[in-house]
């Protein structure tokens, strides 16, 4: 094989590895969350992180015995949240200490986590985040 042929093969191989890494790094919603099981959690915001590729909301809620349980909810990218009207605390949005009700897809592993679908604020504001019919 010529020197140019080996170089071209190396470029093709590197591009293939880059694309494979990108594809495997992203997970399927249906693999991690049960798209047929919604949960509702009411509690106090501990933290909200507007980051990419997924933002996160952490909420403390009380279980039936009154014990505080920490819940973690995955959300879309920061730009997706802004398009839905959700903003950071410094822009009058969600902040630690806010009382919220979350509707989410339950985690398949049974952990206290989920994929946020709706966020209802104590002041009456509601934000909806829903996947397409295939769960993506």
N, C-alpha and C. Protein backbone atom coordinates (compact mmCIF):
# COMPACT_ATOMS: atom_id res chain seq x y z
N UNK A 1 0.85 -1.17 0.00
CA UNK A 1 0.00 0.00 0.00
C UNK A 1 0.90 1.24 0.00
N UNK A 2 0.47 2.26 -0.69
CA UNK A 2 1.28 3.48 -0.79
C UNK A 2 1.19 4.29 0.50
N UNK A 3 2.09 5.23 0.62
CA UNK A 3 2.11 6.10 1.80
C UNK A 3 0.81 6.91 1.88
N UNK A 4 0.29 7.37 0.75
CA UNK A 4 -0.96 8.13 0.72
C UNK A 4 -2.12 7.22 1.14
N UNK A 5 -2.11 5.98 0.68
CA UNK A 5 -3.18 5.03 1.03
C UNK A 5 -3.23 4.75 2.53
N UNK A 6 -2.08 4.60 3.16
CA UNK A 6 -2.01 4.37 4.60
C UNK A 6 -2.51 5.60 5.35
N UNK A 7 -2.12 6.78 4.90
CA UNK A 7 -2.58 8.02 5.53
C UNK A 7 -4.08 8.18 5.42
N UNK A 8 -4.63 7.87 4.26
CA UNK A 8 -6.07 7.98 4.06
C UNK A 8 -6.81 6.99 4.95
N UNK A 9 -6.29 5.78 5.07
CA UNK A 9 -6.90 4.79 5.95
C UNK A 9 -6.88 5.26 7.40
N UNK A 10 -5.79 5.87 7.80
CA UNK A 10 -5.69 6.36 9.17
C UNK A 10 -6.73 7.45 9.44
N UNK A 11 -6.93 8.34 8.48
CA UNK A 11 -7.93 9.40 8.64
C UNK A 11 -9.33 8.81 8.72
N UNK A 12 -9.63 7.85 7.84
CA UNK A 12 -10.95 7.20 7.86
C UNK A 12 -11.15 6.49 9.19
N UNK A 13 -10.15 5.77 9.68
CA UNK A 13 -10.26 5.06 10.95
C UNK A 13 -10.50 6.03 12.10
N UNK A 14 -9.77 7.15 12.12
CA UNK A 14 -9.93 8.13 13.19
C UNK A 14 -11.33 8.75 13.16
N UNK A 15 -11.83 9.05 11.97
CA UNK A 15 -13.19 9.60 11.86
C UNK A 15 -14.22 8.58 12.35
N UNK A 16 -14.02 7.34 11.98
CA UNK A 16 -14.94 6.29 12.43
C UNK A 16 -14.95 6.14 13.94
N UNK A 17 -13.79 6.19 14.55
CA UNK A 17 -13.71 6.08 16.00
C UNK A 17 -14.36 7.28 16.68
N UNK A 18 -14.18 8.46 16.12
CA UNK A 18 -14.78 9.68 16.68
C UNK A 18 -16.30 9.57 16.62
N UNK A 19 -16.84 9.15 15.48
CA UNK A 19 -18.29 9.02 15.34
C UNK A 19 -18.84 7.92 16.25
N UNK A 20 -18.13 6.82 16.37
CA UNK A 20 -18.59 5.73 17.24
C UNK A 20 -18.61 6.17 18.69
N UNK A 21 -17.62 6.93 19.11
CA UNK A 21 -17.58 7.43 20.49
C UNK A 21 -18.73 8.37 20.78
N UNK A 22 -19.05 9.22 19.83
CA UNK A 22 -20.17 10.15 20.01
C UNK A 22 -21.49 9.41 20.10
N UNK A 23 -21.66 8.41 19.28
CA UNK A 23 -22.92 7.67 19.27
C UNK A 23 -23.10 6.85 20.55
N UNK A 24 -22.03 6.24 21.03
CA UNK A 24 -22.18 5.41 22.22
C UNK A 24 -22.23 6.23 23.50
N UNK A 25 -21.80 7.47 23.45
CA UNK A 25 -21.80 8.30 24.65
C UNK A 25 -23.21 8.74 25.03
N UNK A 26 -24.11 8.81 24.09
CA UNK A 26 -25.47 9.25 24.37
C UNK A 26 -26.35 8.04 24.63
N UNK A 27 -27.20 8.11 25.65
CA UNK A 27 -28.02 6.97 26.02
C UNK A 27 -29.44 7.13 25.51
N UNK A 28 -30.13 6.04 25.42
CA UNK A 28 -31.53 6.04 25.03
C UNK A 28 -32.38 6.29 26.27
N UNK A 29 -33.38 7.13 26.11
CA UNK A 29 -34.29 7.41 27.23
C UNK A 29 -34.94 6.12 27.70
N UNK A 30 -35.38 5.28 26.76
CA UNK A 30 -36.07 4.05 27.13
C UNK A 30 -35.17 3.07 27.85
N UNK A 31 -33.87 3.15 27.65
CA UNK A 31 -32.95 2.25 28.34
C UNK A 31 -32.81 2.62 29.80
N UNK A 32 -32.88 3.89 30.12
CA UNK A 32 -32.65 4.35 31.49
C UNK A 32 -33.94 4.63 32.25
N UNK A 33 -35.01 5.04 31.53
CA UNK A 33 -36.25 5.43 32.19
C UNK A 33 -37.42 4.62 31.65
N UNK A 34 -38.41 4.37 32.50
CA UNK A 34 -39.62 3.63 32.12
C UNK A 34 -40.63 4.62 31.54
N UNK A 35 -40.80 4.61 30.22
CA UNK A 35 -41.67 5.60 29.58
C UNK A 35 -43.15 5.37 29.88
N UNK A 36 -43.47 4.28 30.53
CA UNK A 36 -44.86 3.98 30.89
C UNK A 36 -45.14 4.21 32.38
N UNK A 37 -44.15 4.67 33.12
CA UNK A 37 -44.33 4.86 34.56
C UNK A 37 -43.93 6.27 34.98
N UNK A 38 -44.92 7.07 35.31
CA UNK A 38 -44.68 8.44 35.77
C UNK A 38 -44.70 8.48 37.30
N UNK A 39 -43.85 9.31 37.86
CA UNK A 39 -43.84 9.52 39.30
C UNK A 39 -44.07 11.01 39.55
N UNK A 40 -44.62 11.33 40.70
CA UNK A 40 -44.81 12.72 41.12
C UNK A 40 -44.14 12.90 42.46
N UNK A 41 -43.27 13.89 42.55
CA UNK A 41 -42.51 14.17 43.77
C UNK A 41 -42.66 15.65 44.10
N UNK A 42 -43.06 15.94 45.33
CA UNK A 42 -43.16 17.33 45.79
C UNK A 42 -42.12 17.55 46.87
N UNK A 43 -41.41 18.66 46.78
CA UNK A 43 -40.39 18.94 47.77
C UNK A 43 -39.72 20.27 47.55
N UNK A 44 -38.51 20.39 48.10
CA UNK A 44 -37.74 21.62 48.07
C UNK A 44 -36.53 21.46 47.17
N UNK A 45 -36.31 22.44 46.30
CA UNK A 45 -35.14 22.41 45.41
C UNK A 45 -33.88 22.53 46.25
N UNK A 46 -32.96 21.59 46.05
CA UNK A 46 -31.65 21.63 46.69
C UNK A 46 -30.67 22.32 45.74
N UNK A 47 -30.75 21.94 44.45
CA UNK A 47 -29.82 22.48 43.47
C UNK A 47 -30.41 22.29 42.08
N UNK A 48 -30.12 23.24 41.20
CA UNK A 48 -30.44 23.09 39.79
C UNK A 48 -29.18 23.45 39.01
N UNK A 49 -28.83 22.60 38.06
CA UNK A 49 -27.62 22.81 37.27
C UNK A 49 -28.00 22.94 35.81
N UNK A 50 -27.77 24.12 35.24
CA UNK A 50 -28.00 24.36 33.83
C UNK A 50 -26.70 24.07 33.09
N UNK A 51 -26.54 22.84 32.64
CA UNK A 51 -25.32 22.43 31.96
C UNK A 51 -25.67 21.61 30.73
N UNK A 52 -24.71 21.40 29.87
CA UNK A 52 -24.91 20.58 28.68
C UNK A 52 -24.10 19.31 28.80
N UNK A 53 -24.54 18.20 28.29
CA UNK A 53 -25.70 18.04 27.43
C UNK A 53 -27.01 17.86 28.19
N UNK A 54 -26.95 17.61 29.49
CA UNK A 54 -28.16 17.45 30.29
C UNK A 54 -28.05 18.31 31.54
N UNK A 55 -29.14 18.96 31.89
CA UNK A 55 -29.20 19.72 33.13
C UNK A 55 -29.78 18.82 34.21
N UNK A 56 -29.63 19.22 35.47
CA UNK A 56 -30.09 18.38 36.58
C UNK A 56 -30.79 19.20 37.65
N UNK A 57 -31.79 18.59 38.25
CA UNK A 57 -32.54 19.18 39.34
C UNK A 57 -32.49 18.21 40.51
N UNK A 58 -32.10 18.70 41.69
CA UNK A 58 -32.06 17.88 42.89
C UNK A 58 -33.10 18.43 43.86
N UNK A 59 -33.94 17.52 44.38
CA UNK A 59 -35.06 17.91 45.24
C UNK A 59 -35.05 17.05 46.51
N UNK A 60 -35.27 17.68 47.66
CA UNK A 60 -35.49 16.94 48.90
C UNK A 60 -37.00 16.82 49.10
N UNK A 61 -37.48 15.59 49.30
CA UNK A 61 -38.90 15.34 49.53
C UNK A 61 -39.03 14.44 50.76
N UNK A 62 -40.19 14.44 51.36
CA UNK A 62 -40.42 13.57 52.52
C UNK A 62 -41.14 12.31 52.09
N UNK A 63 -40.67 11.16 52.62
CA UNK A 63 -41.34 9.90 52.34
C UNK A 63 -42.55 9.76 53.28
N UNK A 64 -43.34 8.70 53.14
CA UNK A 64 -44.54 8.55 53.99
C UNK A 64 -44.26 8.58 55.50
N UNK A 65 -43.02 8.23 55.90
CA UNK A 65 -42.66 8.25 57.32
C UNK A 65 -42.12 9.60 57.77
N UNK A 66 -42.06 10.58 56.87
CA UNK A 66 -41.56 11.90 57.21
C UNK A 66 -40.06 12.06 57.06
N UNK A 67 -39.37 11.01 56.62
CA UNK A 67 -37.93 11.06 56.42
C UNK A 67 -37.62 11.80 55.11
N UNK A 68 -36.63 12.69 55.13
CA UNK A 68 -36.23 13.43 53.93
C UNK A 68 -35.46 12.50 52.99
N UNK A 69 -35.90 12.49 51.74
CA UNK A 69 -35.29 11.66 50.71
C UNK A 69 -34.86 12.57 49.56
N UNK A 70 -33.63 12.39 49.10
CA UNK A 70 -33.10 13.20 48.00
C UNK A 70 -33.43 12.54 46.66
N UNK A 71 -33.96 13.33 45.73
CA UNK A 71 -34.30 12.89 44.38
C UNK A 71 -33.46 13.66 43.37
N UNK A 72 -33.07 13.00 42.30
CA UNK A 72 -32.30 13.64 41.23
C UNK A 72 -33.05 13.46 39.91
N UNK A 73 -33.23 14.55 39.20
CA UNK A 73 -33.95 14.50 37.94
C UNK A 73 -33.09 15.03 36.81
N UNK A 74 -33.04 14.25 35.74
CA UNK A 74 -32.32 14.67 34.54
C UNK A 74 -33.26 15.51 33.69
N UNK A 75 -32.69 16.52 33.07
CA UNK A 75 -33.46 17.40 32.19
C UNK A 75 -32.70 17.56 30.88
N UNK A 76 -33.25 18.34 29.98
CA UNK A 76 -32.59 18.60 28.70
C UNK A 76 -31.43 19.56 28.85
N UNK A 77 -30.88 19.94 27.72
CA UNK A 77 -29.79 20.90 27.69
C UNK A 77 -30.28 22.28 28.14
N UNK A 78 -29.36 23.11 28.57
CA UNK A 78 -29.71 24.44 29.07
C UNK A 78 -30.52 25.24 28.05
N UNK A 79 -30.16 25.18 26.78
CA UNK A 79 -30.91 25.92 25.74
C UNK A 79 -32.34 25.41 25.62
N UNK A 80 -32.54 24.11 25.74
CA UNK A 80 -33.88 23.53 25.68
C UNK A 80 -34.73 24.04 26.86
N UNK A 81 -34.14 24.13 28.02
CA UNK A 81 -34.86 24.62 29.20
C UNK A 81 -35.24 26.09 29.03
N UNK A 82 -34.32 26.88 28.49
CA UNK A 82 -34.62 28.29 28.26
C UNK A 82 -35.75 28.46 27.25
N UNK A 83 -35.76 27.63 26.19
CA UNK A 83 -36.84 27.71 25.20
C UNK A 83 -38.19 27.39 25.83
N UNK A 84 -38.20 26.54 26.84
CA UNK A 84 -39.45 26.19 27.53
C UNK A 84 -39.84 27.25 28.56
N UNK A 85 -38.98 28.25 28.76
CA UNK A 85 -39.29 29.33 29.69
C UNK A 85 -38.64 29.21 31.05
N UNK A 86 -37.89 28.16 31.29
CA UNK A 86 -37.24 27.96 32.58
C UNK A 86 -35.92 28.73 32.59
N UNK A 87 -35.69 29.48 33.65
CA UNK A 87 -34.46 30.27 33.73
C UNK A 87 -33.74 30.02 35.04
N UNK A 88 -32.48 30.47 35.06
CA UNK A 88 -31.67 30.33 36.26
C UNK A 88 -32.13 31.31 37.33
N UNK A 89 -31.70 31.08 38.56
CA UNK A 89 -32.09 31.92 39.70
C UNK A 89 -31.73 33.38 39.48
N UNK A 90 -30.57 33.65 38.88
CA UNK A 90 -30.15 35.05 38.68
C UNK A 90 -31.00 35.77 37.63
N UNK A 91 -31.89 35.03 36.98
CA UNK A 91 -32.80 35.62 35.99
C UNK A 91 -34.25 35.45 36.44
N UNK A 92 -34.45 35.28 37.74
CA UNK A 92 -35.81 35.16 38.29
C UNK A 92 -36.40 33.77 38.20
N UNK A 93 -35.57 32.78 37.95
CA UNK A 93 -36.05 31.42 37.77
C UNK A 93 -35.92 30.54 39.01
N UNK A 94 -35.80 29.26 38.78
CA UNK A 94 -35.74 28.26 39.85
C UNK A 94 -34.46 28.41 40.66
N UNK A 95 -34.62 28.28 41.99
CA UNK A 95 -33.45 28.39 42.86
C UNK A 95 -33.59 27.45 44.06
N UNK A 96 -32.50 27.20 44.72
CA UNK A 96 -32.51 26.39 45.94
C UNK A 96 -33.49 27.01 46.93
N UNK A 97 -34.29 26.16 47.56
CA UNK A 97 -35.28 26.61 48.53
C UNK A 97 -36.69 26.72 47.97
N UNK A 98 -36.82 26.75 46.64
CA UNK A 98 -38.15 26.81 46.03
C UNK A 98 -38.90 25.50 46.26
N UNK A 99 -40.20 25.61 46.52
CA UNK A 99 -41.06 24.44 46.64
C UNK A 99 -41.57 24.09 45.25
N UNK A 100 -41.43 22.82 44.87
CA UNK A 100 -41.81 22.39 43.53
C UNK A 100 -42.52 21.04 43.57
N UNK A 101 -43.24 20.76 42.50
CA UNK A 101 -43.77 19.43 42.25
C UNK A 101 -43.25 18.99 40.90
N UNK A 102 -42.67 17.81 40.86
CA UNK A 102 -42.06 17.28 39.66
C UNK A 102 -42.86 16.07 39.19
N UNK A 103 -43.14 16.02 37.90
CA UNK A 103 -43.68 14.81 37.27
C UNK A 103 -42.57 14.31 36.37
N UNK A 104 -42.20 13.04 36.52
CA UNK A 104 -41.04 12.51 35.79
C UNK A 104 -41.28 11.07 35.37
N UNK A 105 -40.50 10.62 34.40
CA UNK A 105 -40.45 9.21 34.07
C UNK A 105 -39.56 8.56 35.12
N UNK A 106 -40.01 7.46 35.68
CA UNK A 106 -39.25 6.77 36.73
C UNK A 106 -38.00 6.10 36.16
N UNK A 107 -36.96 6.05 36.97
CA UNK A 107 -35.74 5.34 36.59
C UNK A 107 -36.01 3.84 36.59
N UNK A 108 -35.49 3.15 35.60
CA UNK A 108 -35.69 1.69 35.52
C UNK A 108 -35.00 0.95 36.65
N UNK A 109 -33.94 1.52 37.21
CA UNK A 109 -33.18 0.82 38.25
C UNK A 109 -33.78 0.98 39.64
N UNK A 110 -34.91 1.70 39.75
CA UNK A 110 -35.58 1.85 41.04
C UNK A 110 -34.98 2.91 41.95
N UNK A 111 -33.99 3.63 41.46
CA UNK A 111 -33.36 4.67 42.28
C UNK A 111 -34.28 5.89 42.39
N UNK A 112 -33.94 6.79 43.28
CA UNK A 112 -34.70 8.03 43.47
C UNK A 112 -34.28 9.03 42.39
N UNK A 113 -34.59 8.68 41.15
CA UNK A 113 -34.24 9.56 40.04
C UNK A 113 -35.25 9.37 38.92
N UNK A 114 -35.20 10.31 37.98
CA UNK A 114 -36.11 10.23 36.86
C UNK A 114 -35.79 11.26 35.81
N UNK A 115 -36.56 11.22 34.73
CA UNK A 115 -36.43 12.18 33.64
C UNK A 115 -37.57 13.18 33.77
N UNK A 116 -37.25 14.42 34.07
CA UNK A 116 -38.24 15.45 34.32
C UNK A 116 -39.14 15.65 33.10
N UNK A 117 -40.44 15.63 33.34
CA UNK A 117 -41.44 15.87 32.30
C UNK A 117 -42.18 17.19 32.53
N UNK A 118 -42.51 17.47 33.80
CA UNK A 118 -43.20 18.70 34.17
C UNK A 118 -42.63 19.22 35.48
N UNK A 119 -42.55 20.52 35.58
CA UNK A 119 -42.10 21.17 36.80
C UNK A 119 -43.15 22.22 37.16
N UNK A 120 -43.73 22.08 38.36
CA UNK A 120 -44.74 23.01 38.83
C UNK A 120 -44.18 23.76 40.03
N UNK A 121 -44.21 25.09 39.94
CA UNK A 121 -43.70 25.94 41.00
C UNK A 121 -44.83 26.30 41.96
N UNK A 122 -44.48 26.63 43.19
CA UNK A 122 -45.47 27.00 44.20
C UNK A 122 -46.24 28.26 43.80
N UNK A 123 -45.61 29.13 42.99
CA UNK A 123 -46.28 30.37 42.57
C UNK A 123 -47.23 30.17 41.37
N UNK A 124 -47.39 28.92 40.94
CA UNK A 124 -48.32 28.62 39.85
C UNK A 124 -47.69 28.45 38.48
N UNK A 125 -46.42 28.80 38.32
CA UNK A 125 -45.77 28.60 37.02
C UNK A 125 -45.60 27.11 36.76
N UNK A 126 -45.79 26.71 35.49
CA UNK A 126 -45.61 25.32 35.09
C UNK A 126 -44.75 25.27 33.84
N UNK A 127 -43.85 24.30 33.83
CA UNK A 127 -42.96 24.08 32.69
C UNK A 127 -43.11 22.63 32.26
N UNK A 128 -43.26 22.41 30.95
CA UNK A 128 -43.44 21.05 30.44
C UNK A 128 -42.30 20.68 29.51
N UNK A 129 -41.76 19.49 29.74
CA UNK A 129 -40.66 18.95 28.95
C UNK A 129 -41.04 17.51 28.63
N UNK A 130 -41.35 17.23 27.40
CA UNK A 130 -41.78 15.86 27.07
C UNK A 130 -41.02 15.35 25.86
N UNK A 131 -40.69 14.07 25.87
CA UNK A 131 -40.01 13.48 24.71
C UNK A 131 -41.02 13.20 23.60
N UNK A 132 -40.50 12.84 22.44
CA UNK A 132 -41.39 12.47 21.35
C UNK A 132 -42.04 11.12 21.67
N UNK A 133 -43.02 10.66 20.89
CA UNK A 133 -43.74 9.42 21.20
C UNK A 133 -42.85 8.18 21.34
N UNK A 134 -41.64 8.22 20.77
CA UNK A 134 -40.73 7.08 20.89
C UNK A 134 -39.85 7.16 22.12
N UNK A 135 -40.02 8.21 22.92
CA UNK A 135 -39.23 8.34 24.14
C UNK A 135 -37.89 8.98 23.94
N UNK A 136 -37.68 9.63 22.80
CA UNK A 136 -36.39 10.29 22.53
C UNK A 136 -36.48 11.79 22.65
